[in-house]
């Protein structure tokens, strides 16, 4: 049990650092790593380089969480596609909208509720959104900035940038 106490700060720090990019709560990520470590201790014993093992385990669990979240689809009606556009445009529009909604749903804390309210076709005012979320109107702007930053980091982590010259990695 001494090993677990020694690793607690490292696991917590690594999970806290990786959690925003994979849209999972840091405590959930930590818990998955602890389960992985306890399974290893039960069979193979402690890893020789525990710090390296913790880092790789946290990253592996974060990748697993991203893959799982990417496959999860929210239930609910999809807005109708633009009938005047081509079928290809309608499919692309629908796919982009689905991907954005899925990414919004994976954001931590109150961000999904805030971003969903902001994406509403009714175009609510800040006062209406603040009333719906039960928070002050003055805290809505900073919260919006944090949520959009988190969403931006998530989407940046999922989209691979092309190499110079147009080649993809």
N, C-alpha and C. Protein backbone atom coordinates (compact mmCIF):
# COMPACT_ATOMS: atom_id res chain seq x y z
N UNK A 1 0.82 -1.20 0.00
CA UNK A 1 0.00 0.00 0.00
C UNK A 1 0.86 1.26 0.00
N UNK A 2 2.11 1.12 0.36
CA UNK A 2 3.03 2.26 0.34
C UNK A 2 3.19 2.79 -1.09
N UNK A 3 3.24 1.86 -2.04
CA UNK A 3 3.37 2.24 -3.44
C UNK A 3 2.19 3.10 -3.87
N UNK A 4 0.99 2.73 -3.46
CA UNK A 4 -0.21 3.49 -3.84
C UNK A 4 -0.16 4.91 -3.28
N UNK A 5 0.30 5.05 -2.03
CA UNK A 5 0.40 6.38 -1.43
C UNK A 5 1.45 7.23 -2.14
N UNK A 6 2.53 6.61 -2.57
CA UNK A 6 3.58 7.34 -3.27
C UNK A 6 3.11 7.79 -4.66
N UNK A 7 2.28 6.98 -5.31
CA UNK A 7 1.84 7.29 -6.67
C UNK A 7 0.64 8.23 -6.72
N UNK A 8 -0.05 8.40 -5.62
CA UNK A 8 -1.28 9.21 -5.60
C UNK A 8 -1.07 10.60 -6.20
N UNK A 9 -0.04 11.40 -5.81
CA UNK A 9 0.12 12.73 -6.42
C UNK A 9 0.43 12.67 -7.92
N UNK A 10 1.22 11.69 -8.33
CA UNK A 10 1.58 11.58 -9.75
C UNK A 10 0.35 11.21 -10.59
N UNK A 11 -0.42 10.25 -10.14
CA UNK A 11 -1.62 9.83 -10.87
C UNK A 11 -2.60 11.00 -10.95
N UNK A 12 -2.76 11.71 -9.84
CA UNK A 12 -3.68 12.84 -9.82
C UNK A 12 -3.22 13.94 -10.79
N UNK A 13 -1.94 14.26 -10.78
CA UNK A 13 -1.43 15.31 -11.67
C UNK A 13 -1.55 14.91 -13.13
N UNK A 14 -1.20 13.69 -13.47
CA UNK A 14 -1.28 13.23 -14.86
C UNK A 14 -2.74 13.21 -15.33
N UNK A 15 -3.63 12.72 -14.49
CA UNK A 15 -5.05 12.65 -14.87
C UNK A 15 -5.63 14.05 -15.04
N UNK A 16 -5.26 14.97 -14.17
CA UNK A 16 -5.74 16.33 -14.27
C UNK A 16 -5.25 16.99 -15.55
N UNK A 17 -4.03 16.67 -15.96
CA UNK A 17 -3.48 17.26 -17.18
C UNK A 17 -4.13 16.69 -18.43
N UNK A 18 -4.45 15.41 -18.45
CA UNK A 18 -5.00 14.76 -19.64
C UNK A 18 -6.52 14.89 -19.76
N UNK A 19 -7.21 15.07 -18.66
CA UNK A 19 -8.67 15.03 -18.66
C UNK A 19 -9.34 16.02 -19.61
N UNK A 20 -8.92 17.29 -19.67
CA UNK A 20 -9.64 18.21 -20.56
C UNK A 20 -9.59 17.82 -22.04
N UNK A 21 -8.51 17.22 -22.47
CA UNK A 21 -8.39 16.86 -23.89
C UNK A 21 -9.26 15.68 -24.27
N UNK A 22 -9.65 14.87 -23.29
CA UNK A 22 -10.46 13.70 -23.64
C UNK A 22 -11.89 13.82 -23.11
N UNK A 23 -12.23 14.99 -22.60
CA UNK A 23 -13.60 15.26 -22.14
C UNK A 23 -14.10 14.26 -21.13
N UNK A 24 -13.26 13.98 -20.17
CA UNK A 24 -13.64 13.09 -19.09
C UNK A 24 -13.21 13.78 -17.80
N UNK A 25 -13.94 13.56 -16.76
CA UNK A 25 -13.57 14.13 -15.48
C UNK A 25 -12.24 13.53 -15.03
N UNK A 26 -11.41 14.35 -14.42
CA UNK A 26 -10.08 13.90 -13.98
C UNK A 26 -10.20 12.75 -12.99
N UNK A 27 -11.20 12.80 -12.11
CA UNK A 27 -11.37 11.73 -11.11
C UNK A 27 -11.73 10.40 -11.78
N UNK A 28 -12.51 10.45 -12.86
CA UNK A 28 -12.86 9.23 -13.58
C UNK A 28 -11.62 8.63 -14.25
N UNK A 29 -10.81 9.50 -14.82
CA UNK A 29 -9.57 9.05 -15.44
C UNK A 29 -8.63 8.46 -14.40
N UNK A 30 -8.54 9.12 -13.25
CA UNK A 30 -7.72 8.61 -12.15
C UNK A 30 -8.19 7.22 -11.73
N UNK A 31 -9.49 7.07 -11.59
CA UNK A 31 -10.05 5.80 -11.15
C UNK A 31 -9.71 4.68 -12.13
N UNK A 32 -9.79 4.97 -13.42
CA UNK A 32 -9.46 3.95 -14.42
C UNK A 32 -7.99 3.54 -14.32
N UNK A 33 -7.12 4.50 -14.03
CA UNK A 33 -5.69 4.18 -13.89
C UNK A 33 -5.46 3.35 -12.64
N UNK A 34 -6.14 3.68 -11.54
CA UNK A 34 -5.99 2.89 -10.31
C UNK A 34 -6.45 1.44 -10.52
N UNK A 35 -7.54 1.28 -11.23
CA UNK A 35 -8.02 -0.08 -11.52
C UNK A 35 -6.98 -0.84 -12.33
N UNK A 36 -6.43 -0.17 -13.33
CA UNK A 36 -5.40 -0.78 -14.17
C UNK A 36 -4.18 -1.17 -13.33
N UNK A 37 -3.77 -0.30 -12.41
CA UNK A 37 -2.61 -0.58 -11.56
C UNK A 37 -2.90 -1.75 -10.62
N UNK A 38 -4.09 -1.76 -10.01
CA UNK A 38 -4.42 -2.85 -9.09
C UNK A 38 -4.50 -4.19 -9.82
N UNK A 39 -5.00 -4.18 -11.06
CA UNK A 39 -5.01 -5.42 -11.85
C UNK A 39 -3.59 -5.89 -12.12
N UNK A 40 -2.70 -4.95 -12.39
CA UNK A 40 -1.31 -5.31 -12.65
C UNK A 40 -0.65 -5.84 -11.38
N UNK A 41 -0.90 -5.19 -10.24
CA UNK A 41 -0.31 -5.64 -8.98
C UNK A 41 -0.77 -7.03 -8.61
N UNK A 42 -2.00 -7.36 -8.99
CA UNK A 42 -2.55 -8.67 -8.68
C UNK A 42 -1.86 -9.77 -9.48
N UNK A 43 -1.46 -9.45 -10.71
CA UNK A 43 -0.87 -10.47 -11.57
C UNK A 43 0.63 -10.38 -11.70
N UNK A 44 1.13 -9.31 -12.29
CA UNK A 44 2.55 -9.21 -12.64
C UNK A 44 3.39 -8.51 -11.58
N UNK A 45 2.78 -7.88 -10.62
CA UNK A 45 3.54 -7.14 -9.63
C UNK A 45 3.73 -5.71 -10.06
N UNK A 46 4.43 -4.93 -9.24
CA UNK A 46 4.60 -3.51 -9.56
C UNK A 46 5.47 -3.31 -10.80
N UNK A 47 5.18 -2.28 -11.57
CA UNK A 47 6.01 -2.01 -12.76
C UNK A 47 7.40 -1.55 -12.33
N UNK A 48 8.42 -1.86 -13.14
CA UNK A 48 9.78 -1.48 -12.77
C UNK A 48 9.97 0.05 -12.72
N UNK A 49 9.46 0.77 -13.69
CA UNK A 49 9.55 2.24 -13.71
C UNK A 49 8.13 2.77 -13.53
N UNK A 50 7.75 3.01 -12.28
CA UNK A 50 6.36 3.36 -11.98
C UNK A 50 5.94 4.69 -12.59
N UNK A 51 6.83 5.68 -12.60
CA UNK A 51 6.46 6.99 -13.15
C UNK A 51 6.15 6.87 -14.64
N UNK A 52 6.97 6.15 -15.38
CA UNK A 52 6.73 5.97 -16.81
C UNK A 52 5.45 5.16 -17.02
N UNK A 53 5.23 4.14 -16.18
CA UNK A 53 4.03 3.32 -16.31
C UNK A 53 2.78 4.16 -16.08
N UNK A 54 2.80 5.03 -15.05
CA UNK A 54 1.64 5.87 -14.75
C UNK A 54 1.34 6.79 -15.93
N UNK A 55 2.37 7.42 -16.49
CA UNK A 55 2.15 8.32 -17.63
C UNK A 55 1.54 7.58 -18.81
N UNK A 56 2.08 6.41 -19.12
CA UNK A 56 1.54 5.68 -20.27
C UNK A 56 0.14 5.15 -19.98
N UNK A 57 -0.12 4.75 -18.74
CA UNK A 57 -1.46 4.26 -18.39
C UNK A 57 -2.50 5.38 -18.48
N UNK A 58 -2.14 6.57 -18.01
CA UNK A 58 -3.08 7.70 -18.08
C UNK A 58 -3.36 8.03 -19.54
N UNK A 59 -2.33 8.06 -20.36
CA UNK A 59 -2.53 8.38 -21.78
C UNK A 59 -3.36 7.30 -22.48
N UNK A 60 -3.12 6.04 -22.13
CA UNK A 60 -3.89 4.96 -22.74
C UNK A 60 -5.36 5.06 -22.34
N UNK A 61 -5.63 5.35 -21.08
CA UNK A 61 -7.02 5.49 -20.63
C UNK A 61 -7.68 6.72 -21.26
N UNK A 62 -6.90 7.79 -21.46
CA UNK A 62 -7.45 8.98 -22.12
C UNK A 62 -7.81 8.67 -23.58
N UNK A 63 -6.94 7.91 -24.26
CA UNK A 63 -7.25 7.52 -25.65
C UNK A 63 -8.50 6.66 -25.70
N UNK A 64 -8.62 5.74 -24.75
CA UNK A 64 -9.80 4.88 -24.70
C UNK A 64 -11.06 5.71 -24.47
N UNK A 65 -10.97 6.70 -23.59
CA UNK A 65 -12.13 7.56 -23.31
C UNK A 65 -12.51 8.37 -24.55
N UNK A 66 -11.50 8.88 -25.29
CA UNK A 66 -11.79 9.63 -26.51
C UNK A 66 -12.47 8.75 -27.55
N UNK A 67 -11.96 7.52 -27.72
CA UNK A 67 -12.58 6.60 -28.69
C UNK A 67 -14.01 6.28 -28.30
N UNK A 68 -14.24 6.03 -27.02
CA UNK A 68 -15.58 5.71 -26.55
C UNK A 68 -16.52 6.90 -26.77
N UNK A 69 -16.06 8.08 -26.42
CA UNK A 69 -16.90 9.27 -26.57
C UNK A 69 -17.20 9.56 -28.04
N UNK A 70 -16.25 9.25 -28.93
CA UNK A 70 -16.46 9.51 -30.35
C UNK A 70 -17.55 8.60 -30.92
N UNK A 71 -17.72 7.42 -30.33
CA UNK A 71 -18.72 6.48 -30.84
C UNK A 71 -20.10 6.69 -30.23
N UNK A 72 -20.16 7.43 -29.12
CA UNK A 72 -21.45 7.65 -28.47
C UNK A 72 -22.22 8.73 -29.20
N UNK A 73 -23.48 8.45 -29.47
CA UNK A 73 -24.34 9.40 -30.16
C UNK A 73 -25.49 9.78 -29.24
N UNK A 74 -25.80 11.06 -29.13
CA UNK A 74 -26.92 11.46 -28.29
C UNK A 74 -28.25 11.10 -28.95
N UNK A 75 -29.23 10.77 -28.14
CA UNK A 75 -30.56 10.53 -28.66
C UNK A 75 -31.24 11.87 -28.86
N UNK A 76 -32.07 11.94 -29.81
CA UNK A 76 -32.81 13.18 -30.04
C UNK A 76 -32.94 13.43 -31.52
N UNK A 77 -33.89 14.28 -31.86
CA UNK A 77 -34.12 14.54 -33.28
C UNK A 77 -33.01 15.40 -33.87
N UNK A 78 -32.63 15.06 -35.08
CA UNK A 78 -31.67 15.88 -35.83
C UNK A 78 -32.46 16.96 -36.56
N UNK A 79 -31.92 18.16 -36.62
CA UNK A 79 -32.63 19.19 -37.37
C UNK A 79 -32.67 18.82 -38.85
N UNK A 80 -33.72 19.18 -39.56
CA UNK A 80 -33.82 18.82 -40.97
C UNK A 80 -32.74 19.51 -41.79
N UNK A 81 -32.24 18.82 -42.78
CA UNK A 81 -31.23 19.38 -43.67
C UNK A 81 -31.88 20.38 -44.61
N UNK A 82 -31.07 21.24 -45.17
CA UNK A 82 -31.56 22.24 -46.12
C UNK A 82 -32.06 21.53 -47.38
N UNK A 83 -33.35 21.57 -47.66
CA UNK A 83 -33.87 20.85 -48.83
C UNK A 83 -33.40 21.46 -50.14
N UNK A 84 -33.01 22.75 -50.13
CA UNK A 84 -32.58 23.39 -51.37
C UNK A 84 -31.17 22.95 -51.77
N UNK A 85 -30.39 22.45 -50.82
CA UNK A 85 -29.03 22.05 -51.11
C UNK A 85 -28.97 20.64 -51.69
N UNK A 86 -27.80 20.27 -52.13
CA UNK A 86 -27.61 18.93 -52.68
C UNK A 86 -27.59 17.91 -51.55
N UNK A 87 -27.81 16.64 -51.87
CA UNK A 87 -27.76 15.60 -50.85
C UNK A 87 -26.38 15.52 -50.18
N UNK A 88 -25.33 15.77 -50.96
CA UNK A 88 -23.98 15.72 -50.39
C UNK A 88 -23.80 16.81 -49.34
N UNK A 89 -24.29 18.02 -49.66
CA UNK A 89 -24.19 19.12 -48.70
C UNK A 89 -25.01 18.82 -47.45
N UNK A 90 -26.17 18.24 -47.65
CA UNK A 90 -27.02 17.91 -46.50
C UNK A 90 -26.33 16.89 -45.60
N UNK A 91 -25.69 15.90 -46.19
CA UNK A 91 -24.99 14.89 -45.40
C UNK A 91 -23.81 15.50 -44.67
N UNK A 92 -23.03 16.32 -45.37
CA UNK A 92 -21.87 16.97 -44.75
C UNK A 92 -22.31 17.90 -43.61
N UNK A 93 -23.38 18.67 -43.84
CA UNK A 93 -23.88 19.56 -42.81
C UNK A 93 -24.33 18.76 -41.59
N UNK A 94 -25.06 17.70 -41.84
CA UNK A 94 -25.56 16.86 -40.75
C UNK A 94 -24.41 16.23 -39.98
N UNK A 95 -23.39 15.77 -40.69
CA UNK A 95 -22.24 15.13 -40.04
C UNK A 95 -21.46 16.15 -39.20
N UNK A 96 -21.26 17.35 -39.72
CA UNK A 96 -20.57 18.38 -38.95
C UNK A 96 -21.36 18.73 -37.69
N UNK A 97 -22.65 18.87 -37.86
CA UNK A 97 -23.52 19.20 -36.72
C UNK A 97 -23.48 18.08 -35.67
N UNK A 98 -23.51 16.82 -36.12
CA UNK A 98 -23.44 15.68 -35.19
C UNK A 98 -22.10 15.67 -34.46
N UNK A 99 -21.02 15.92 -35.18
CA UNK A 99 -19.69 15.91 -34.57
C UNK A 99 -19.57 17.03 -33.53
N UNK A 100 -20.11 18.20 -33.86
CA UNK A 100 -20.07 19.31 -32.91
C UNK A 100 -20.89 18.99 -31.67
N UNK A 101 -22.10 18.46 -31.86
CA UNK A 101 -22.95 18.11 -30.72
C UNK A 101 -22.29 17.02 -29.85
N UNK A 102 -21.64 16.05 -30.49
CA UNK A 102 -20.96 15.00 -29.73
C UNK A 102 -19.80 15.59 -28.93
N UNK A 103 -19.05 16.51 -29.53
CA UNK A 103 -17.94 17.14 -28.82
C UNK A 103 -18.45 17.99 -27.66
N UNK A 104 -19.55 18.71 -27.88
CA UNK A 104 -20.14 19.53 -26.81
C UNK A 104 -20.58 18.63 -25.66
N UNK A 105 -21.14 17.47 -25.96
CA UNK A 105 -21.62 16.56 -24.92
C UNK A 105 -20.46 16.00 -24.09
N UNK A 106 -19.25 15.95 -24.66
CA UNK A 106 -18.10 15.40 -23.94
C UNK A 106 -17.37 16.43 -23.09
N UNK A 107 -17.75 17.70 -23.18
CA UNK A 107 -17.07 18.72 -22.38
C UNK A 107 -17.40 18.52 -20.91
N UNK A 108 -16.48 18.91 -20.01
CA UNK A 108 -16.68 18.65 -18.58
C UNK A 108 -17.59 19.68 -17.91
N UNK A 109 -18.08 19.33 -16.74
CA UNK A 109 -18.84 20.24 -15.88
C UNK A 109 -20.14 20.71 -16.50
N UNK A 110 -20.39 22.01 -16.36
CA UNK A 110 -21.61 22.63 -16.88
C UNK A 110 -21.49 23.03 -18.33
N UNK A 111 -20.36 22.78 -18.94
CA UNK A 111 -20.14 23.21 -20.33
C UNK A 111 -21.16 22.63 -21.31
N UNK A 112 -21.55 21.35 -21.21
CA UNK A 112 -22.54 20.85 -22.17
C UNK A 112 -23.84 21.64 -22.13
N UNK A 113 -24.31 21.95 -20.93
CA UNK A 113 -25.57 22.70 -20.82
C UNK A 113 -25.42 24.10 -21.39
N UNK A 114 -24.30 24.76 -21.09
CA UNK A 114 -24.08 26.12 -21.57
C UNK A 114 -23.95 26.15 -23.10
N UNK A 115 -23.11 25.28 -23.64
CA UNK A 115 -22.88 25.29 -25.09
C UNK A 115 -24.13 24.86 -25.85
N UNK A 116 -24.90 23.93 -25.30
CA UNK A 116 -26.15 23.52 -25.95
C UNK A 116 -27.13 24.70 -25.98
N UNK A 117 -27.19 25.44 -24.88
CA UNK A 117 -28.08 26.61 -24.84
C UNK A 117 -27.62 27.66 -25.85
N UNK A 118 -26.31 27.82 -26.00
CA UNK A 118 -25.80 28.82 -26.94
C UNK A 118 -26.00 28.38 -28.39
N UNK A 119 -26.05 27.07 -28.63
CA UNK A 119 -26.27 26.56 -29.98
C UNK A 119 -27.75 26.45 -30.34
N UNK A 120 -28.60 26.81 -29.42
CA UNK A 120 -30.03 26.69 -29.64
C UNK A 120 -30.48 27.53 -30.84
N UNK A 121 -31.37 26.99 -31.68
CA UNK A 121 -31.86 27.75 -32.83
C UNK A 121 -32.73 28.95 -32.42
N UNK A 122 -33.17 28.97 -31.15
CA UNK A 122 -33.99 30.09 -30.66
C UNK A 122 -33.16 31.34 -30.41
N UNK A 123 -31.82 31.22 -30.41
CA UNK A 123 -30.90 32.33 -30.19
C UNK A 123 -31.22 33.08 -28.90
N UNK A 124 -31.11 32.40 -27.74
CA UNK A 124 -31.44 33.05 -26.47
C UNK A 124 -30.42 34.12 -26.08
N UNK A 125 -30.85 35.08 -25.27
CA UNK A 125 -29.97 36.14 -24.78
C UNK A 125 -29.16 35.60 -23.61
N UNK A 126 -28.12 36.36 -23.21
CA UNK A 126 -27.32 35.96 -22.05
C UNK A 126 -28.21 35.85 -20.81
N UNK A 127 -29.16 36.75 -20.67
CA UNK A 127 -30.04 36.73 -19.51
C UNK A 127 -30.86 35.44 -19.50
N UNK A 128 -31.38 35.03 -20.65
CA UNK A 128 -32.17 33.79 -20.72
C UNK A 128 -31.31 32.57 -20.43
N UNK A 129 -30.08 32.55 -20.97
CA UNK A 129 -29.19 31.41 -20.73
C UNK A 129 -28.81 31.35 -19.25
N UNK A 130 -28.49 32.49 -18.66
CA UNK A 130 -28.12 32.52 -17.24
C UNK A 130 -29.29 32.04 -16.38
N UNK A 131 -30.51 32.45 -16.72
CA UNK A 131 -31.67 32.00 -15.97
C UNK A 131 -31.89 30.50 -16.12
N UNK A 132 -31.68 29.99 -17.31
CA UNK A 132 -31.86 28.55 -17.55
C UNK A 132 -30.82 27.72 -16.78
N UNK A 133 -29.58 28.23 -16.71
CA UNK A 133 -28.52 27.50 -16.02
C UNK A 133 -28.49 27.77 -14.52
N UNK A 134 -29.21 28.80 -14.07
CA UNK A 134 -29.23 29.13 -12.65
C UNK A 134 -27.93 29.77 -12.17
N UNK A 135 -27.30 30.56 -13.02
CA UNK A 135 -26.07 31.25 -12.64
C UNK A 135 -26.24 32.74 -12.93
N UNK A 136 -25.33 33.54 -12.39
CA UNK A 136 -25.43 34.99 -12.63
C UNK A 136 -25.01 35.31 -14.06
N UNK A 137 -25.58 36.37 -14.58
CA UNK A 137 -25.29 36.77 -15.95
C UNK A 137 -23.84 37.20 -16.09
N UNK A 138 -23.25 37.76 -15.03
CA UNK A 138 -21.86 38.21 -15.07
C UNK A 138 -20.86 37.06 -15.16
N UNK A 139 -21.22 35.88 -14.66
CA UNK A 139 -20.28 34.75 -14.72
C UNK A 139 -20.43 33.95 -16.01
N UNK A 140 -21.41 34.31 -16.82
CA UNK A 140 -21.66 33.58 -18.05
C UNK A 140 -20.53 33.77 -19.07
N UNK A 141 -20.02 34.99 -19.21
CA UNK A 141 -18.95 35.27 -20.17
C UNK A 141 -17.67 34.48 -19.89
N UNK A 142 -17.15 34.54 -18.64
CA UNK A 142 -15.95 33.76 -18.34
C UNK A 142 -16.18 32.25 -18.47
N UNK A 143 -17.36 31.80 -18.07
CA UNK A 143 -17.68 30.37 -18.19
C UNK A 143 -17.73 29.97 -19.67
N UNK A 144 -18.32 30.83 -20.50
CA UNK A 144 -18.38 30.59 -21.94
C UNK A 144 -16.98 30.50 -22.52
N UNK A 145 -16.09 31.39 -22.10
CA UNK A 145 -14.71 31.37 -22.59
C UNK A 145 -14.01 30.08 -22.21
N UNK A 146 -14.17 29.64 -20.96
CA UNK A 146 -13.55 28.39 -20.53
C UNK A 146 -14.09 27.20 -21.31
N UNK A 147 -15.40 27.17 -21.49
CA UNK A 147 -16.02 26.05 -22.20
C UNK A 147 -15.59 26.01 -23.67
N UNK A 148 -15.56 27.18 -24.31
CA UNK A 148 -15.12 27.22 -25.71
C UNK A 148 -13.64 26.84 -25.83
N UNK A 149 -12.82 27.25 -24.85
CA UNK A 149 -11.41 26.86 -24.85
C UNK A 149 -11.26 25.35 -24.71
N UNK A 150 -12.04 24.77 -23.83
CA UNK A 150 -12.01 23.31 -23.65
C UNK A 150 -12.46 22.61 -24.93
N UNK A 151 -13.53 23.11 -25.53
CA UNK A 151 -14.03 22.52 -26.78
C UNK A 151 -12.98 22.66 -27.89
N UNK A 152 -12.33 23.80 -27.95
CA UNK A 152 -11.29 24.03 -28.96
C UNK A 152 -10.13 23.04 -28.77
N UNK A 153 -9.69 22.85 -27.50
CA UNK A 153 -8.60 21.90 -27.23
C UNK A 153 -9.00 20.48 -27.60
N UNK A 154 -10.25 20.13 -27.30
CA UNK A 154 -10.72 18.78 -27.64
C UNK A 154 -10.71 18.56 -29.14
N UNK A 155 -11.25 19.52 -29.88
CA UNK A 155 -11.34 19.38 -31.33
C UNK A 155 -9.96 19.43 -31.97
N UNK A 156 -9.05 20.23 -31.42
CA UNK A 156 -7.68 20.28 -31.93
C UNK A 156 -6.99 18.95 -31.72
N UNK A 157 -7.24 18.30 -30.59
CA UNK A 157 -6.62 17.01 -30.31
C UNK A 157 -7.16 15.92 -31.24
N UNK A 158 -8.40 16.07 -31.72
CA UNK A 158 -8.99 15.06 -32.58
C UNK A 158 -8.65 15.24 -34.05
N UNK A 159 -8.37 16.48 -34.47
CA UNK A 159 -8.10 16.77 -35.87
C UNK A 159 -6.60 16.83 -36.07
N UNK A 160 -6.09 16.01 -36.96
CA UNK A 160 -4.66 15.98 -37.24
C UNK A 160 -4.34 17.06 -38.26
N UNK A 161 -3.37 17.89 -37.95
CA UNK A 161 -2.96 18.94 -38.87
C UNK A 161 -2.09 18.34 -39.96
N UNK A 162 -2.27 18.78 -41.21
CA UNK A 162 -1.43 18.23 -42.28
C UNK A 162 0.00 18.73 -42.15
N UNK A 163 0.91 17.93 -42.67
CA UNK A 163 2.32 18.32 -42.69
C UNK A 163 2.51 19.41 -43.75
N UNK A 164 3.64 20.13 -43.68
CA UNK A 164 3.91 21.09 -44.74
C UNK A 164 3.94 20.39 -46.09
N UNK A 165 3.38 21.02 -47.09
CA UNK A 165 3.32 20.42 -48.42
C UNK A 165 2.02 19.68 -48.66
N UNK A 166 1.11 19.68 -47.65
CA UNK A 166 -0.19 19.08 -47.84
C UNK A 166 -0.29 17.61 -47.52
N UNK A 167 0.79 16.97 -47.14
CA UNK A 167 0.74 15.54 -46.82
C UNK A 167 0.18 15.36 -45.42
N UNK A 168 -0.60 14.32 -45.24
CA UNK A 168 -1.10 14.03 -43.92
C UNK A 168 -0.20 13.04 -43.25
N UNK A 169 -0.13 13.14 -41.94
CA UNK A 169 0.74 12.24 -41.17
C UNK A 169 0.19 10.85 -41.12
